[in-house]
Amino acid sequence: MNQPLLGHSAPHPDPLLEDTLAAVETRLSALGEALRARDVAAIDKHSTELHRALARAVDHFSHAAQKGAVPPLLRRRLVSASGQVAAQRESLARAPAALDRAIEVLMPREAPGLYSSLGSADRGLIRGGSVRA
């Protein structure tokens, strides 16, 4: 039986990098659940925890990259987590616009009258016949 030598096998993930990335993935999952549940308190809590986990991950991965010690598997997982963060950010950015549209449908702004009491369109005419520019 030929077993590969440890030095020639695929690099094993650094436990610190693995734990750091696992923490980011856990926080991403928790934030995703909070977003689906629309739990504002949980969203706030998990987004803060995710921010901290991402800061740690950037720090640890930067140090590891300087040494050339980031295994491809961890790089792919980090890229995947980064994509998930971007997707959640985009989803959160779109939420206010959707809310604004829903509010507009439910409570439309009062449409200005098409005609003034004088019978013509009210377009900023000042009483007395003069127009301010």
Protein backbone atom coordinates (compact mmCIF):
# COMPACT_ATOMS: atom_id res chain seq x y z
CA MET A 1 0.00 0.00 0.00
CA ASN A 2 1.43 3.33 -0.98
CA GLN A 3 0.41 6.18 1.28
CA PRO A 4 1.28 9.70 0.20
CA LEU A 5 3.84 11.47 2.31
CA LEU A 6 2.41 14.30 4.35
CA GLY A 7 4.65 16.81 2.61
CA HIS A 8 3.34 15.74 -0.82
CA SER A 9 -0.38 15.48 -0.06
CA ALA A 10 -2.87 18.26 -0.45
CA PRO A 11 -2.19 20.94 2.15
CA HIS A 12 -4.24 20.59 5.30
CA PRO A 13 -6.16 23.66 6.30
CA ASP A 14 -4.66 25.74 9.05
CA PRO A 15 -6.91 25.23 12.10
CA LEU A 16 -6.95 28.98 12.79
CA LEU A 17 -8.04 29.77 9.22
CA GLU A 18 -10.57 26.94 9.28
CA ASP A 19 -12.09 28.14 12.58
CA THR A 20 -12.12 31.76 11.40
CA LEU A 21 -13.86 30.87 8.16
CA ALA A 22 -16.31 28.56 9.93
CA ALA A 23 -17.24 31.45 12.23
CA VAL A 24 -17.95 33.67 9.20
CA GLU A 25 -20.09 30.95 7.60
CA THR A 26 -22.00 30.40 10.84
CA ARG A 27 -22.67 34.14 11.21
CA LEU A 28 -23.76 34.37 7.56
CA SER A 29 -26.23 31.55 8.07
CA ALA A 30 -27.61 33.10 11.26
CA LEU A 31 -28.01 36.47 9.55
CA GLY A 32 -29.75 34.82 6.60
CA GLU A 33 -32.23 33.17 8.96
CA ALA A 34 -32.84 36.45 10.76
CA LEU A 35 -33.45 38.20 7.43
CA ARG A 36 -35.92 35.52 6.35
CA ALA A 37 -37.70 35.81 9.71
CA ARG A 38 -37.60 39.62 9.47
CA ASP A 39 -36.41 39.70 13.09
CA VAL A 40 -34.93 43.18 13.42
CA ALA A 41 -33.20 42.53 16.76
CA ALA A 42 -31.63 39.31 15.46
CA ILE A 43 -30.60 41.03 12.21
CA ASP A 44 -28.83 43.73 14.21
CA LYS A 45 -27.12 41.18 16.47
CA HIS A 46 -26.02 38.82 13.70
CA SER A 47 -24.86 41.58 11.38
CA THR A 48 -22.63 42.95 14.15
CA GLU A 49 -21.25 39.47 14.84
CA LEU A 50 -20.70 38.90 11.11
CA HIS A 51 -18.84 42.20 10.83
CA ARG A 52 -16.49 41.14 13.64
CA ALA A 53 -16.01 37.66 12.18
CA LEU A 54 -15.23 39.14 8.76
CA ALA A 55 -12.68 41.52 10.26
CA ARG A 56 -10.94 38.60 11.99
CA ALA A 57 -11.06 36.54 8.80
CA VAL A 58 -9.54 39.32 6.71
CA ASP A 59 -6.77 39.75 9.27
CA HIS A 60 -5.98 36.01 9.52
CA PHE A 61 -6.21 35.37 5.79
CA SER A 62 -4.04 38.40 5.02
CA HIS A 63 -1.31 37.12 7.33
CA ALA A 64 -1.58 33.62 5.87
CA ALA A 65 -1.51 34.95 2.29
CA GLN A 66 1.71 36.84 3.01
CA LYS A 67 3.25 33.50 3.97
CA GLY A 68 1.65 31.81 0.94
CA ALA A 69 -0.22 29.41 3.20
CA VAL A 70 -3.87 29.67 2.13
CA PRO A 71 -5.07 26.31 0.78
CA PRO A 72 -7.25 26.45 -2.37
CA LEU A 73 -10.22 24.90 -0.57
CA LEU A 74 -10.25 27.68 2.02
CA ARG A 75 -9.85 30.29 -0.72
CA ARG A 76 -12.91 28.93 -2.51
CA ARG A 77 -14.91 28.93 0.73
CA LEU A 78 -13.83 32.50 1.45
CA VAL A 79 -14.85 33.59 -2.05
CA SER A 80 -18.21 31.85 -1.57
CA ALA A 81 -18.74 33.59 1.78
CA SER A 82 -17.81 36.90 0.17
CA GLY A 83 -20.44 36.31 -2.51
CA GLN A 84 -23.05 35.57 0.14
CA VAL A 85 -22.18 38.79 1.97
CA ALA A 86 -22.55 40.73 -1.29
CA ALA A 87 -25.91 39.08 -2.01
CA GLN A 88 -27.22 39.88 1.48
CA ARG A 89 -25.99 43.47 1.17
CA GLU A 90 -27.77 43.86 -2.17
CA SER A 91 -30.93 42.34 -0.74
CA LEU A 92 -30.84 44.77 2.17
CA ALA A 93 -30.22 47.68 -0.18
CA ARG A 94 -33.29 46.77 -2.21
CA ALA A 95 -35.56 46.38 0.80
CA PRO A 96 -36.19 50.12 1.37
CA ALA A 97 -37.17 50.63 -2.28
CA ALA A 98 -39.65 47.75 -2.08
CA LEU A 99 -41.01 49.11 1.17
CA ASP A 100 -41.39 52.57 -0.35
CA ARG A 101 -43.34 51.10 -3.28
CA ALA A 102 -45.61 49.14 -0.93
CA ILE A 103 -46.28 52.22 1.18
CA GLU A 104 -47.01 54.25 -1.97
CA VAL A 105 -49.60 51.66 -3.04
CA LEU A 106 -51.19 51.48 0.39
CA MET A 107 -51.06 55.18 1.15
CA PRO A 108 -50.73 57.18 -2.06
CA ARG A 109 -49.71 60.79 -1.78
CA GLU A 110 -52.48 63.23 -2.35
CA ALA A 111 -52.47 64.09 -6.01
CA PRO A 112 -52.43 67.82 -6.55
CA GLY A 113 -55.64 69.15 -8.03
CA LEU A 114 -55.58 69.38 -11.77
CA TYR A 115 -57.35 72.71 -11.70
CA SER A 116 -57.31 75.56 -9.25
CA SER A 117 -60.37 77.30 -7.96
CA LEU A 118 -59.97 79.71 -10.87
CA GLY A 119 -60.45 76.88 -13.37
CA SER A 120 -56.95 76.74 -14.82
CA ALA A 121 -54.06 74.51 -13.86
CA ASP A 122 -52.41 75.63 -10.63
CA ARG A 123 -48.74 75.94 -11.56
CA GLY A 124 -47.43 78.29 -8.98
CA LEU A 125 -49.31 81.38 -10.09
CA ILE A 126 -49.29 84.02 -7.44
CA ARG A 127 -52.50 85.83 -6.67
CA GLY A 128 -52.54 89.15 -8.41
CA GLY A 129 -51.42 87.86 -11.79
CA SER A 130 -47.66 87.92 -11.39
CA VAL A 131 -45.39 84.90 -11.64
CA ARG A 132 -42.30 84.40 -9.52
CA ALA A 133 -39.28 83.08 -11.31
